[in-house]
Protein backbone atom coordinates (compact mmCIF):
# COMPACT_ATOMS: atom_id res chain seq x y z
CA MET A 1 96.42 18.75 -60.83
CA ASN A 2 96.02 15.27 -61.72
CA LYS A 3 95.05 13.43 -58.51
CA PHE A 4 97.14 10.53 -59.59
CA ASP A 5 100.31 12.61 -60.08
CA TRP A 6 101.52 12.05 -56.54
CA LYS A 7 105.05 13.55 -57.32
CA SER A 8 103.63 16.87 -58.19
CA GLN A 9 101.91 16.95 -54.87
CA LEU A 10 105.27 16.00 -53.15
CA ASP A 11 106.90 18.83 -55.08
CA GLU A 12 104.27 21.11 -53.67
CA ILE A 13 105.07 20.06 -50.30
CA TYR A 14 108.78 20.80 -50.73
CA ALA A 15 108.09 24.07 -52.58
CA ARG A 16 108.60 26.16 -49.33
CA PHE A 17 110.19 25.75 -45.89
CA PRO A 18 109.09 24.59 -43.45
CA GLU A 19 106.98 21.96 -45.28
CA GLY A 20 104.05 22.20 -42.76
CA THR A 21 102.80 24.16 -39.84
CA ARG A 22 103.32 22.54 -36.37
CA LYS A 23 99.94 21.51 -35.18
CA PRO A 24 98.76 19.89 -32.00
CA ILE A 25 99.02 16.11 -31.96
CA VAL A 26 95.93 14.35 -30.70
CA GLY A 27 96.27 10.56 -29.94
CA ILE A 28 93.13 8.52 -30.36
CA THR A 29 92.75 5.22 -28.62
CA GLY A 30 91.88 2.52 -31.16
CA ASN A 31 88.97 0.10 -30.94
CA TYR A 32 89.82 -3.60 -31.37
CA GLY A 33 88.16 -6.44 -33.13
CA ASP A 34 88.85 -9.40 -35.53
CA ALA A 35 92.66 -9.06 -34.84
CA THR A 36 92.48 -5.40 -35.92
CA CYS A 37 92.86 -2.11 -34.48
CA LYS A 38 90.06 0.05 -35.73
CA ILE A 39 89.02 3.73 -35.55
CA GLY A 40 85.88 5.29 -36.74
CA GLU A 41 86.58 8.01 -39.44
CA GLY A 42 84.58 10.47 -37.60
CA TYR A 43 87.24 10.75 -34.83
CA TYR A 44 90.24 11.49 -36.96
CA GLU A 45 88.28 13.61 -39.43
CA SER A 46 86.89 15.83 -36.56
CA ILE A 47 90.44 16.30 -35.16
CA VAL A 48 91.82 17.38 -38.62
CA SER A 49 88.73 19.75 -39.22
CA ALA A 50 89.55 21.24 -35.78
CA GLY A 51 93.11 21.98 -36.72
CA GLY A 52 94.78 19.13 -35.06
CA VAL A 53 96.83 16.08 -36.19
CA PRO A 54 95.34 12.66 -35.32
CA VAL A 55 97.56 9.57 -34.45
CA VAL A 56 95.95 6.32 -33.49
CA ILE A 57 97.04 4.60 -30.43
CA PRO A 58 96.73 0.74 -30.42
CA PRO A 59 95.49 -1.19 -27.42
CA VAL A 60 98.87 -2.07 -26.12
CA ALA A 61 99.71 -2.19 -22.36
CA ASP A 62 103.48 -2.14 -22.50
CA LYS A 63 104.81 0.46 -20.26
CA ASP A 64 107.46 1.80 -22.65
CA VAL A 65 104.90 2.06 -25.41
CA LEU A 66 102.49 4.08 -23.16
CA VAL A 67 105.04 6.46 -21.70
CA ASN A 68 106.72 7.05 -25.07
CA THR A 69 103.30 7.66 -26.69
CA LEU A 70 102.47 10.23 -24.09
CA GLU A 71 105.72 12.05 -24.60
CA HIS A 72 104.90 12.80 -28.20
CA ILE A 73 101.15 13.71 -28.06
CA ASP A 74 99.48 17.00 -26.88
CA ALA A 75 96.09 15.66 -26.14
CA LEU A 76 94.21 12.26 -25.76
CA LEU A 77 90.93 11.40 -27.19
CA LEU A 78 89.37 8.27 -25.63
CA SER A 79 87.14 6.69 -28.28
CA GLY A 80 83.95 4.61 -27.94
CA GLY A 81 83.44 1.01 -27.92
CA GLY A 82 82.26 -1.99 -26.05
CA ASP A 83 81.68 -2.40 -22.34
CA TYR A 84 84.17 -2.53 -19.58
CA ASN A 85 84.90 -5.73 -17.73
CA PRO A 86 83.26 -5.04 -14.23
CA LEU A 87 85.93 -7.14 -12.62
CA TYR A 88 88.18 -3.80 -12.94
CA ALA A 89 85.52 -2.23 -10.63
CA ASP A 90 85.49 -5.23 -8.20
CA GLU A 91 82.07 -6.34 -9.53
CA GLU A 92 80.59 -9.48 -10.92
CA PRO A 93 78.99 -9.26 -14.37
CA ILE A 94 75.19 -8.93 -14.39
CA PRO A 95 73.13 -10.63 -17.14
CA ALA A 96 72.43 -7.45 -18.85
CA LEU A 97 76.13 -6.73 -19.30
CA GLY A 98 76.98 -6.35 -23.10
CA GLY A 99 80.15 -7.70 -24.79
CA ILE A 100 83.52 -6.72 -23.20
CA ASN A 101 86.73 -6.07 -24.93
CA SER A 102 89.58 -7.49 -23.01
CA ARG A 103 92.27 -6.09 -25.27
CA ARG A 104 91.16 -2.52 -24.60
CA ASP A 105 90.46 -2.21 -20.98
CA LEU A 106 93.87 -2.42 -19.31
CA PRO A 107 95.77 -0.21 -21.95
CA GLU A 108 93.17 2.49 -21.74
CA LEU A 109 92.93 2.40 -18.08
CA LEU A 110 96.66 2.87 -17.83
CA ILE A 111 97.11 5.57 -20.41
CA THR A 112 94.29 7.59 -19.03
CA ARG A 113 95.77 7.62 -15.52
CA LEU A 114 99.23 8.39 -16.98
CA ALA A 115 97.93 11.12 -19.09
CA TYR A 116 96.08 12.61 -16.21
CA ASN A 117 99.28 12.53 -14.03
CA ARG A 118 101.11 14.47 -16.86
CA GLN A 119 98.31 17.10 -17.29
CA ILE A 120 97.63 16.10 -20.89
CA PRO A 121 94.23 17.38 -22.10
CA MET A 122 91.61 14.53 -22.51
CA LEU A 123 88.32 14.13 -24.12
CA GLY A 124 86.36 11.06 -23.51
CA ILE A 125 83.53 9.98 -25.81
CA CYS A 126 80.87 7.34 -25.13
CA ARG A 127 83.00 4.43 -23.63
CA GLY A 128 85.58 7.26 -23.18
CA ILE A 129 83.61 9.00 -20.39
CA GLN A 130 83.40 5.58 -18.66
CA THR A 131 87.12 5.17 -19.11
CA LEU A 132 87.63 8.44 -17.34
CA ALA A 133 85.40 7.41 -14.50
CA MET A 134 86.97 3.84 -14.26
CA ALA A 135 90.48 5.26 -14.18
CA LEU A 136 89.89 8.25 -12.01
CA ASP A 137 87.84 7.03 -9.04
CA GLY A 138 84.33 7.20 -10.36
CA ARG A 139 81.75 4.44 -10.80
CA VAL A 140 80.15 2.96 -13.97
CA ALA A 141 76.76 1.02 -13.77
CA GLN A 142 76.62 -1.99 -15.88
CA GLU A 143 73.08 -1.19 -16.76
CA LEU A 144 71.82 2.33 -16.78
CA ARG A 145 68.31 1.30 -15.55
CA ASP A 146 69.96 0.47 -12.22
CA ILE A 147 70.75 4.07 -11.56
CA LEU A 148 68.58 6.01 -9.46
CA ARG A 149 67.24 8.74 -11.75
CA ALA A 150 67.98 11.74 -9.73
CA SER A 151 69.80 14.45 -11.59
CA PRO A 152 73.26 15.08 -9.94
CA MET A 153 72.67 18.74 -11.08
CA ASP A 154 69.88 18.94 -8.56
CA ASN A 155 72.34 18.55 -5.71
CA GLY A 156 70.05 15.96 -4.12
CA GLU A 157 67.17 18.36 -3.73
CA GLY A 158 64.85 17.10 -6.40
CA ILE A 159 64.06 13.54 -7.85
CA LYS A 160 63.46 13.00 -11.48
CA ASP A 161 60.12 11.34 -12.28
CA LYS A 162 61.08 7.65 -12.74
CA SER A 163 58.26 7.28 -15.26
CA VAL A 164 60.34 9.50 -17.51
CA GLU A 165 62.96 7.41 -19.33
CA VAL A 166 65.06 8.20 -22.30
CA LYS A 167 65.93 5.47 -24.71
CA HIS A 168 69.70 5.70 -24.64
CA SER A 169 70.45 3.15 -27.43
CA GLN A 170 68.65 4.13 -30.61
CA ASP A 171 68.62 2.34 -34.05
CA ALA A 172 68.72 5.78 -35.71
CA ASP A 173 71.66 6.83 -37.82
CA ARG A 174 74.47 8.11 -35.59
CA SER A 175 74.30 11.44 -37.36
CA GLU A 176 70.66 11.85 -36.00
CA PRO A 177 70.16 13.50 -32.62
CA THR A 178 67.92 11.45 -30.46
CA HIS A 179 67.56 13.26 -27.16
CA SER A 180 68.32 16.49 -25.43
CA VAL A 181 70.84 17.29 -22.73
CA VAL A 182 70.87 20.12 -20.12
CA LEU A 183 74.37 21.84 -19.65
CA ALA A 184 75.22 23.12 -16.30
CA ALA A 185 75.91 26.73 -15.79
CA ASP A 186 79.60 27.72 -15.31
CA SER A 187 80.83 24.68 -17.26
CA ILE A 188 83.15 24.19 -20.19
CA LEU A 189 80.32 22.70 -22.10
CA ARG A 190 78.18 25.80 -21.70
CA ASP A 191 81.03 27.91 -22.86
CA ILE A 192 81.77 25.64 -25.84
CA TYR A 193 78.15 25.63 -27.06
CA GLY A 194 76.97 28.90 -25.83
CA THR A 195 73.60 27.45 -24.64
CA ASP A 196 72.02 25.44 -21.87
CA LYS A 197 70.50 22.72 -23.94
CA ILE A 198 71.75 20.81 -26.93
CA TYR A 199 70.51 17.76 -28.88
CA VAL A 200 72.66 14.65 -28.96
CA ASN A 201 72.87 11.01 -30.02
CA SER A 202 73.88 8.14 -27.64
CA PHE A 203 74.20 4.31 -28.08
CA HIS A 204 74.96 2.79 -24.72
CA HIS A 205 73.67 0.79 -21.75
CA GLN A 206 76.59 1.24 -19.38
CA ALA A 207 76.54 4.75 -17.77
CA LEU A 208 78.18 6.61 -14.98
CA SER A 209 76.58 6.11 -11.56
CA ASP A 210 79.14 8.32 -9.76
CA SER A 211 81.50 10.87 -11.34
CA GLY A 212 83.94 10.62 -8.50
CA ARG A 213 85.79 13.32 -6.49
CA ARG A 214 87.84 14.49 -9.48
CA PHE A 215 84.89 15.48 -11.63
CA LYS A 216 81.64 17.39 -11.55
CA VAL A 217 78.65 16.59 -13.61
CA THR A 218 77.97 19.04 -16.20
CA ALA A 219 75.26 17.54 -18.46
CA CYS A 220 72.31 15.17 -17.82
CA ALA A 221 69.54 13.73 -19.91
CA SER A 222 65.96 14.41 -18.85
CA ASP A 223 65.93 11.09 -16.86
CA GLY A 224 68.92 12.06 -14.86
CA ILE A 225 71.45 9.87 -16.49
CA ILE A 226 74.85 11.50 -16.58
CA GLU A 227 75.88 12.68 -20.03
CA ALA A 228 78.97 14.75 -19.37
CA ILE A 229 81.63 15.36 -16.70
CA GLU A 230 84.62 17.74 -16.48
CA SER A 231 87.55 18.15 -14.15
CA LYS A 232 86.98 20.01 -10.80
CA GLU A 233 90.72 20.26 -10.55
CA PHE A 234 91.41 22.92 -13.26
CA LYS A 235 92.56 20.26 -15.67
CA SER A 236 91.57 20.08 -19.31
CA VAL A 237 89.66 16.77 -18.94
CA LEU A 238 86.15 16.37 -20.31
CA GLY A 239 83.93 13.43 -21.04
CA VAL A 240 80.65 13.19 -23.01
CA GLN A 241 78.30 10.12 -23.31
CA TRP A 242 77.17 11.05 -26.84
CA HIS A 243 79.12 10.88 -30.19
CA PRO A 244 79.92 14.38 -31.39
CA GLU A 245 82.16 12.93 -34.05
CA CYS A 246 79.02 11.75 -35.82
CA LEU A 247 77.20 15.13 -35.59
CA GLY A 248 79.02 17.01 -38.25
CA ASP A 249 79.23 20.67 -37.68
CA ASP A 250 77.20 20.47 -34.50
CA GLY A 251 79.74 18.30 -33.05
CA GLN A 252 82.79 20.34 -33.99
CA PRO A 253 82.89 22.84 -31.07
CA ILE A 254 84.13 20.15 -28.60
CA PHE A 255 86.92 19.01 -30.88
CA ARG A 256 88.02 22.60 -31.39
CA TRP A 257 88.16 22.87 -27.69
CA LEU A 258 90.33 19.87 -27.34
CA VAL A 259 92.75 21.10 -30.01
CA ARG A 260 92.87 24.48 -28.29
CA GLU A 261 93.78 22.85 -25.07
CA ALA A 262 96.29 20.64 -26.83
CA ALA A 263 98.10 23.72 -28.29
CA ALA A 264 98.22 25.41 -24.79
CA TYR A 265 99.55 22.21 -23.25
CA ARG A 266 102.35 21.95 -25.87
CA LYS A 267 103.18 25.66 -25.46
CA ALA A 268 103.63 25.27 -21.65
CA HIS A 269 105.61 21.99 -22.22
CA ASP A 270 107.96 23.71 -24.77
CA VAL A 271 108.39 26.72 -22.24
CA HIS A 272 109.51 24.26 -19.52
CA ASP A 273 112.01 22.65 -22.05
CA ARG A 274 113.63 26.07 -22.59
CA ILE A 275 113.60 27.49 -18.97
CA LEU A 276 114.75 26.34 -15.60
CA THR A 277 111.90 25.60 -13.00
CA LEU A 278 112.80 25.89 -9.43
CA ASP A 279 110.42 25.49 -6.51
CA THR A 280 112.13 27.40 -3.58
CA HIS A 281 110.64 25.42 -0.59
CA CYS A 282 109.45 21.84 -0.03
CA ASP A 283 109.38 19.83 3.25
CA THR A 284 109.53 16.41 1.76
CA PRO A 285 112.28 15.34 4.23
CA MET A 286 109.68 15.45 7.03
CA PHE A 287 108.47 12.15 5.52
CA PHE A 288 111.85 10.37 5.45
CA PRO A 289 111.09 8.61 8.84
CA GLN A 290 108.10 6.96 6.94
CA GLY A 291 110.46 5.20 4.66
CA ILE A 292 109.32 7.04 1.50
CA ASP A 293 110.90 6.03 -1.79
CA PHE A 294 111.78 9.03 -3.93
CA GLY A 295 112.25 6.84 -6.94
CA MET A 296 108.64 5.56 -7.09
CA ARG A 297 105.40 7.54 -7.41
CA ASP A 298 105.01 7.47 -3.60
CA PRO A 299 101.35 8.57 -2.55
CA ARG A 300 102.69 9.63 0.85
CA ILE A 301 104.67 12.63 -0.63
CA LEU A 302 103.97 15.48 -3.08
CA VAL A 303 107.46 15.66 -4.49
CA ASP A 304 109.27 12.67 -6.01
CA LEU A 305 111.18 11.91 -9.23
CA HIS A 306 107.91 10.79 -11.09
CA LYS A 307 105.84 13.87 -10.02
CA MET A 308 108.78 16.20 -10.90
CA THR A 309 109.01 14.65 -14.34
CA GLU A 310 105.28 14.73 -14.99
CA GLY A 311 105.13 18.41 -13.98
CA HIS A 312 108.24 19.16 -15.89
CA GLN A 313 109.96 20.69 -12.75
CA ASP A 314 113.69 20.71 -12.85
CA ALA A 315 114.52 21.62 -9.24
CA THR A 316 113.53 22.03 -5.61
CA ILE A 317 114.99 23.34 -2.50
CA MET A 318 114.35 20.66 0.18
CA VAL A 319 114.68 22.07 3.78
CA SER A 320 115.59 20.42 6.98
CA TYR A 321 112.69 21.53 9.09
CA ILE A 322 113.53 22.02 12.84
CA PRO A 323 110.24 22.03 14.87
CA GLN A 324 109.97 24.76 17.47
CA ASP A 325 109.54 22.12 20.18
CA MET A 326 112.48 20.00 19.14
CA THR A 327 114.39 18.97 22.36
CA GLY A 328 117.13 16.78 20.88
CA ASN A 329 120.16 17.93 18.93
CA ALA A 330 118.85 20.09 16.10
CA PHE A 331 122.37 20.39 14.40
CA ASP A 332 122.58 16.52 14.25
CA TYR A 333 119.14 16.17 13.07
CA ALA A 334 119.68 18.71 10.19
CA ASN A 335 122.80 16.84 9.05
CA SER A 336 120.95 13.60 9.16
CA VAL A 337 118.43 15.04 6.71
CA PHE A 338 121.21 16.19 4.40
CA ASP A 339 122.83 12.74 4.59
CA LYS A 340 119.57 11.13 3.54
CA ILE A 341 119.20 13.45 0.61
CA GLU A 342 122.65 12.72 -0.55
CA ILE A 343 121.88 8.99 -0.39
CA ILE A 344 118.74 9.60 -2.42
CA ALA A 345 120.74 11.55 -4.97
CA ALA A 346 123.42 8.80 -5.15
CA GLU A 347 120.77 6.09 -5.57
CA HIS A 348 119.29 7.93 -8.53
CA SER A 349 122.43 9.70 -9.98
CA ASP A 350 121.40 9.12 -13.58
CA TYR A 351 118.41 11.20 -13.06
CA LEU A 352 119.13 13.40 -9.90
CA GLY A 353 121.84 15.46 -8.52
CA ILE A 354 122.62 17.86 -5.65
CA ALA A 355 123.13 21.44 -6.71
CA ARG A 356 124.78 24.04 -4.70
CA THR A 357 124.93 26.92 -7.10
CA PRO A 358 122.84 28.17 -10.16
CA ALA A 359 125.46 26.91 -12.34
CA ASP A 360 125.00 23.38 -10.91
CA LEU A 361 121.25 23.61 -11.69
CA TYR A 362 121.76 24.58 -15.25
CA ALA A 363 124.35 21.89 -15.70
CA ASN A 364 122.05 19.19 -14.30
CA LYS A 365 119.25 20.38 -16.63
CA ARG A 366 121.64 19.99 -19.68
CA MET A 367 122.46 16.56 -18.68
CA GLY A 368 118.74 15.66 -18.18
CA ARG A 369 118.82 15.48 -14.39
CA LYS A 370 116.53 16.87 -11.73
CA SER A 371 118.12 18.82 -8.92
CA ILE A 372 117.82 19.14 -5.26
CA MET A 373 119.25 22.10 -3.22
CA LEU A 374 119.65 22.13 0.45
CA GLY A 375 117.90 24.67 2.96
CA ILE A 376 117.48 25.00 6.61
CA GLU A 377 114.05 26.00 8.08
CA ASN A 378 114.61 27.38 11.51
CA GLY A 379 117.88 28.72 12.71
CA LYS A 380 117.74 26.61 15.86
CA ALA A 381 119.74 24.27 13.85
CA LEU A 382 122.74 26.34 14.58
CA MET A 383 122.23 25.56 18.36
CA GLY A 384 123.56 29.10 19.22
CA ASP A 385 127.08 28.47 17.75
CA ILE A 386 128.12 30.93 15.16
CA ASN A 387 130.72 28.51 13.77
CA ASN A 388 127.88 26.30 12.60
CA VAL A 389 127.07 28.88 9.87
CA GLU A 390 130.33 27.98 8.18
CA PHE A 391 129.79 24.31 8.60
CA PHE A 392 126.46 24.44 6.82
CA ALA A 393 127.84 26.66 4.17
CA ARG A 394 130.45 24.10 3.45
CA ARG A 395 127.66 21.46 3.52
CA GLY A 396 126.02 23.27 0.59
CA VAL A 397 123.03 24.91 2.48
CA VAL A 398 121.81 27.88 0.12
CA TYR A 399 119.49 29.56 2.58
CA ILE A 400 118.65 29.50 6.25
CA THR A 401 115.06 30.43 7.33
CA LEU A 402 116.03 32.37 10.50
CA CYS A 403 113.02 31.14 12.58
CA HIS A 404 109.79 29.21 12.47
CA ASN A 405 106.53 29.44 14.46
CA GLY A 406 108.15 30.68 17.60
CA ASP A 407 111.01 33.01 18.75
CA ASN A 408 114.29 31.46 18.87
CA ASP A 409 117.80 32.85 19.85
CA ILE A 410 118.16 34.54 16.50
CA CYS A 411 115.02 36.57 16.19
CA ASP A 412 111.23 37.02 16.89
CA SER A 413 108.77 35.03 14.85
CA ALA A 414 105.57 36.29 13.13
CA ARG A 415 103.78 33.88 15.51
CA GLY A 416 106.20 34.66 18.55
CA GLU A 417 106.05 36.65 21.66
CA ASN A 418 108.34 39.59 20.85
CA THR A 419 111.20 38.34 22.97
CA PHE A 420 113.82 40.60 21.47
CA GLY A 421 111.81 43.19 19.52
CA GLY A 422 113.38 41.98 16.32
CA LEU A 423 116.86 40.41 15.75
CA SER A 424 118.78 39.33 18.84
CA PRO A 425 122.44 40.23 19.13
CA PHE A 426 123.21 36.65 18.26
CA GLY A 427 120.91 37.04 15.21
CA GLU A 428 122.92 40.06 14.08
CA GLN A 429 126.07 37.97 14.13
CA VAL A 430 124.25 35.27 12.21
CA VAL A 431 123.09 37.59 9.41
CA ARG A 432 126.52 39.14 8.97
CA GLU A 433 128.16 35.57 8.91
CA MET A 434 125.67 34.38 6.49
CA ASN A 435 126.47 37.38 4.17
CA ARG A 436 130.14 36.55 4.47
CA LEU A 437 129.64 32.90 3.73
CA GLY A 438 127.24 33.21 0.83
CA ILE A 439 124.03 31.75 2.44
CA MET A 440 120.76 33.49 1.62
CA VAL A 441 118.91 35.13 4.55
CA ASP A 442 115.32 33.85 4.40
CA LEU A 443 112.76 35.93 6.34
CA SER A 444 109.68 33.81 5.85
CA HIS A 445 108.11 33.20 9.28
CA ALA A 446 109.92 36.29 10.83
CA ALA A 447 108.16 39.00 12.75
CA GLU A 448 107.68 42.22 10.95
CA LYS A 449 110.42 43.94 13.21
CA SER A 450 112.85 41.01 12.54
CA PHE A 451 112.14 41.49 8.79
CA TYR A 452 113.08 45.12 8.85
CA ASP A 453 116.07 44.61 11.21
CA ALA A 454 117.63 41.87 8.84
CA LEU A 455 116.65 43.87 5.68
CA GLU A 456 118.65 46.90 7.13
CA LEU A 457 121.56 44.87 8.34
CA SER A 458 122.04 42.59 5.49
CA SER A 459 124.66 43.53 2.87
CA THR A 460 123.11 41.32 0.26
CA PRO A 461 119.44 41.03 -0.82
CA ILE A 462 117.25 38.77 1.38
CA VAL A 463 114.58 36.37 0.33
CA CYS A 464 111.13 35.17 1.62
CA SER A 465 111.26 31.54 0.38
CA HIS A 466 107.47 30.92 0.96
CA SER A 467 105.27 33.83 1.78
CA SER A 468 102.18 35.42 0.34
CA ALA A 469 100.28 38.75 0.13
CA ARG A 470 98.67 40.20 3.43
CA ALA A 471 96.62 42.48 1.40
CA LEU A 472 94.69 39.48 0.02
CA CYS A 473 94.90 37.31 3.16
CA ASP A 474 95.49 39.00 6.53
CA HIS A 475 97.84 36.60 8.19
CA PRO A 476 100.98 37.55 10.11
CA ARG A 477 102.97 35.18 8.03
CA ASN A 478 102.30 37.06 4.82
CA LEU A 479 104.08 40.27 3.67
CA ASP A 480 102.10 43.56 3.56
CA ASP A 481 102.56 45.88 0.84
CA ASP A 482 105.16 48.15 2.63
CA GLN A 483 107.28 44.97 3.40
CA MET A 484 106.97 43.98 -0.24
CA ARG A 485 108.12 47.44 -1.50
CA ALA A 486 111.12 47.41 1.05
CA LEU A 487 112.09 43.88 0.08
CA ALA A 488 112.01 44.80 -3.75
CA ALA A 489 113.94 48.15 -3.05
CA LYS A 490 116.88 46.07 -1.56
CA GLY A 491 116.80 43.58 -4.40
CA GLY A 492 115.05 40.74 -2.75
CA VAL A 493 112.35 38.40 -3.74
CA CYS A 494 109.03 37.02 -2.45
CA GLN A 495 108.09 33.51 -3.24
CA ILE A 496 104.23 32.91 -3.35
CA THR A 497 103.41 29.85 -1.26
CA LEU A 498 100.49 27.23 -1.75
CA TYR A 499 99.44 27.09 1.77
CA HIS A 500 95.68 27.46 2.13
CA GLY A 501 95.67 29.53 5.25
CA PHE A 502 98.02 32.00 3.56
CA LEU A 503 96.03 32.35 0.30
CA ARG A 504 92.47 32.90 1.75
CA LYS A 505 90.81 33.16 5.17
CA ASP A 506 87.77 30.96 4.45
CA GLY A 507 87.35 27.70 2.54
CA GLU A 508 89.89 25.87 0.42
CA ALA A 509 92.26 27.72 -1.89
CA ASP A 510 92.94 26.91 -5.45
CA ILE A 511 95.28 27.73 -8.32
CA ASN A 512 93.43 31.02 -8.98
CA ASP A 513 93.99 32.05 -5.32
CA ALA A 514 97.77 31.42 -5.82
CA LEU A 515 97.95 33.37 -9.08
CA ALA A 516 95.82 36.30 -7.59
CA HIS A 517 98.60 36.49 -4.83
CA LEU A 518 101.36 36.46 -7.55
CA ASP A 519 99.64 39.04 -9.60
CA HIS A 520 99.43 41.29 -6.54
CA ALA A 521 103.12 40.75 -5.61
CA VAL A 522 103.99 41.74 -9.15
CA SER A 523 101.91 44.85 -9.12
CA ILE A 524 103.58 46.02 -5.87
CA MET A 525 107.13 44.70 -6.42
CA GLY A 526 107.45 44.43 -10.01
CA ILE A 527 108.20 41.24 -12.05
CA ASP A 528 111.94 40.92 -10.90
CA HIS A 529 111.06 40.21 -7.29
CA VAL A 530 108.63 37.36 -7.24
CA GLY A 531 108.53 33.61 -7.50
CA LEU A 532 107.03 30.35 -6.29
CA GLY A 533 107.77 28.45 -3.13
CA THR A 534 105.09 25.66 -2.91
CA ASP A 535 105.77 24.45 0.67
CA PHE A 536 104.79 21.01 -0.66
CA ASP A 537 104.82 18.32 2.02
CA GLY A 538 104.65 21.13 4.64
CA ASP A 539 100.95 21.59 4.25
CA GLY A 540 101.34 23.40 0.87
CA GLY A 541 99.36 22.36 -2.10
CA VAL A 542 95.91 23.61 -3.52
CA LEU A 543 93.34 22.46 -5.96
CA GLY A 544 95.02 22.68 -9.34
CA LEU A 545 98.41 22.85 -7.91
CA ALA A 546 98.34 19.86 -5.59
CA ASP A 547 101.75 18.32 -6.07
CA SER A 548 104.75 18.58 -8.35
CA SER A 549 102.96 16.71 -11.14
CA GLU A 550 100.65 19.80 -11.47
CA LEU A 551 103.14 22.51 -11.75
CA LEU A 552 102.78 22.62 -15.52
CA ASN A 553 99.39 23.97 -14.77
CA PHE A 554 101.02 27.02 -13.20
CA THR A 555 102.83 27.83 -16.41
CA ARG A 556 99.71 27.32 -18.45
CA GLN A 557 97.82 29.83 -16.22
CA LEU A 558 100.70 32.34 -16.48
CA LEU A 559 100.65 32.07 -20.31
CA ALA A 560 96.88 32.51 -20.28
CA ARG A 561 97.40 35.66 -18.25
CA ARG A 562 99.79 36.85 -21.01
CA TYR A 563 103.05 36.60 -19.09
CA SER A 564 105.86 36.59 -21.47
CA GLU A 565 108.37 33.67 -21.45
CA ALA A 566 111.01 35.96 -20.08
CA ASP A 567 108.71 36.87 -17.22
CA ILE A 568 107.89 33.27 -16.51
CA GLN A 569 111.56 32.33 -16.39
CA LYS A 570 111.96 35.00 -13.76
CA ILE A 571 108.84 33.71 -11.75
CA TRP A 572 110.01 30.08 -12.12
CA GLY A 573 113.45 30.77 -10.31
CA GLY A 574 115.26 33.31 -12.27
CA ASN A 575 114.69 36.00 -9.66
CA PHE A 576 115.61 33.84 -6.83
CA LEU A 577 118.74 32.60 -8.55
CA ARG A 578 119.77 36.11 -9.28
CA VAL A 579 119.82 36.74 -5.60
CA MET A 580 121.58 33.60 -4.96
CA GLU A 581 124.34 34.51 -7.38
CA GLN A 582 124.68 37.95 -5.76
CA VAL A 583 124.78 36.20 -2.31
CA GLN A 584 127.29 33.43 -3.28
CA THR A 585 129.56 36.01 -5.17
CA LYS A 586 130.18 37.72 -1.81
CA ARG A 587 131.93 34.65 -0.19
């Protein structure tokens, strides 16, 4: 074909449908100089070779430009370039500081933090690794010679010989490796390259002095200078000090990693577009007295409109939690919580609505709105009056957790004193009335005998809105395998929760612990009887699933474990909503 015959090439594009294969889109931050946005060809050629589609992101700090850009890319590549203005780190410039680039700093710091909050995979190269540190609580030294040359991989036990110093800014061609780096065991880089030592190039005098709490150091030069970092939070975020885009085939593995992660991100994103995602238990109303603002990204709470949007979460069930030691009017308190939720929904009605039925949830999703459902945690809110069950049913409450961490007048708690030996006579009335009025019976927190009493008595399936597996973590709040089997046999559901103490006995739990509990529940109960109830803002939240913004990570892990989209929909609320429909149909 004549290379100048462009119409023939156009005909070739249109010769079949679709015209092209959908590939991951990787945004590359552009450099700036001489009134021009610039990008080295190595960056975009490497992305193309790795199977991605590169787009250049100009250095613009406009919020609408940034947010809309992130809505359309699947990964972010932070490119190399000049030094950061140290004022962004609250430091005065030292004489050795190189040339700064004022047009790049703010846009890149903003887009990095926004991409991080959205779980978008990121790769930082040279200046890019410093961008990650600057934006995500690390520290950058203006001059690498000021860094104490102790390898962070030595965990403080060994100091490198200060007489050993690597020249980190060479005059060699950028395609020429100029020094070696050691890759940490159990790191992404070790997996990518399949070895513990590689040869790289670098051209810098700024360097990381502290990777910060969000990252671990995974490569160092022989003088201890940090050469690579990766996320400690199970995010697809990696930074390298060298220039893999200049190393030809030797640099390609890291770009293939980025494109793979971009594809996984987009797949999870698309799944969330198609399904409804419901978290069945959060305690955010506990923070209402602090004056939280649900419409801003409020650091005091784990669930707000921004975090739900970033994590592609459609809905949550917010509970009015009644403390066991509450001495005031629990009924009035519960209603004050629901009043506040309705005010919040009214203030943000374009983006948020109260839902009382599964149909409401799906209607809100079609309109592009998030949903809040109402729940009660601790039947003390009834204050011993059976008529209050009907009041809360009319108010739109979808479930009542019969008790909390102590016996009440309804039943014995898993952490109570066996006051009734299960359900009380009043508790039996409450269960029957909840059945009649279409409110789900929630047995999280209930003693084992209370659990079986309610399961036997209830004419509709029951739920455990936030409980985990006792077989993996022996805690009285968790369900043992026999309870799980009995719950499933009656059509009920168990929603795995993210509280550390219910996921593991020792140490801090993480996303893998939560998935292990989910997998166990599936193996015992079957896929039709499981889900997720985070307990966010009630001490729930683990590494990798720390707040609503990270819930997309849960779906990514489910996909990696080969759960089908149909199964993921069941886990993400489909099973719970099936029970809700059964219960509400009875009324």
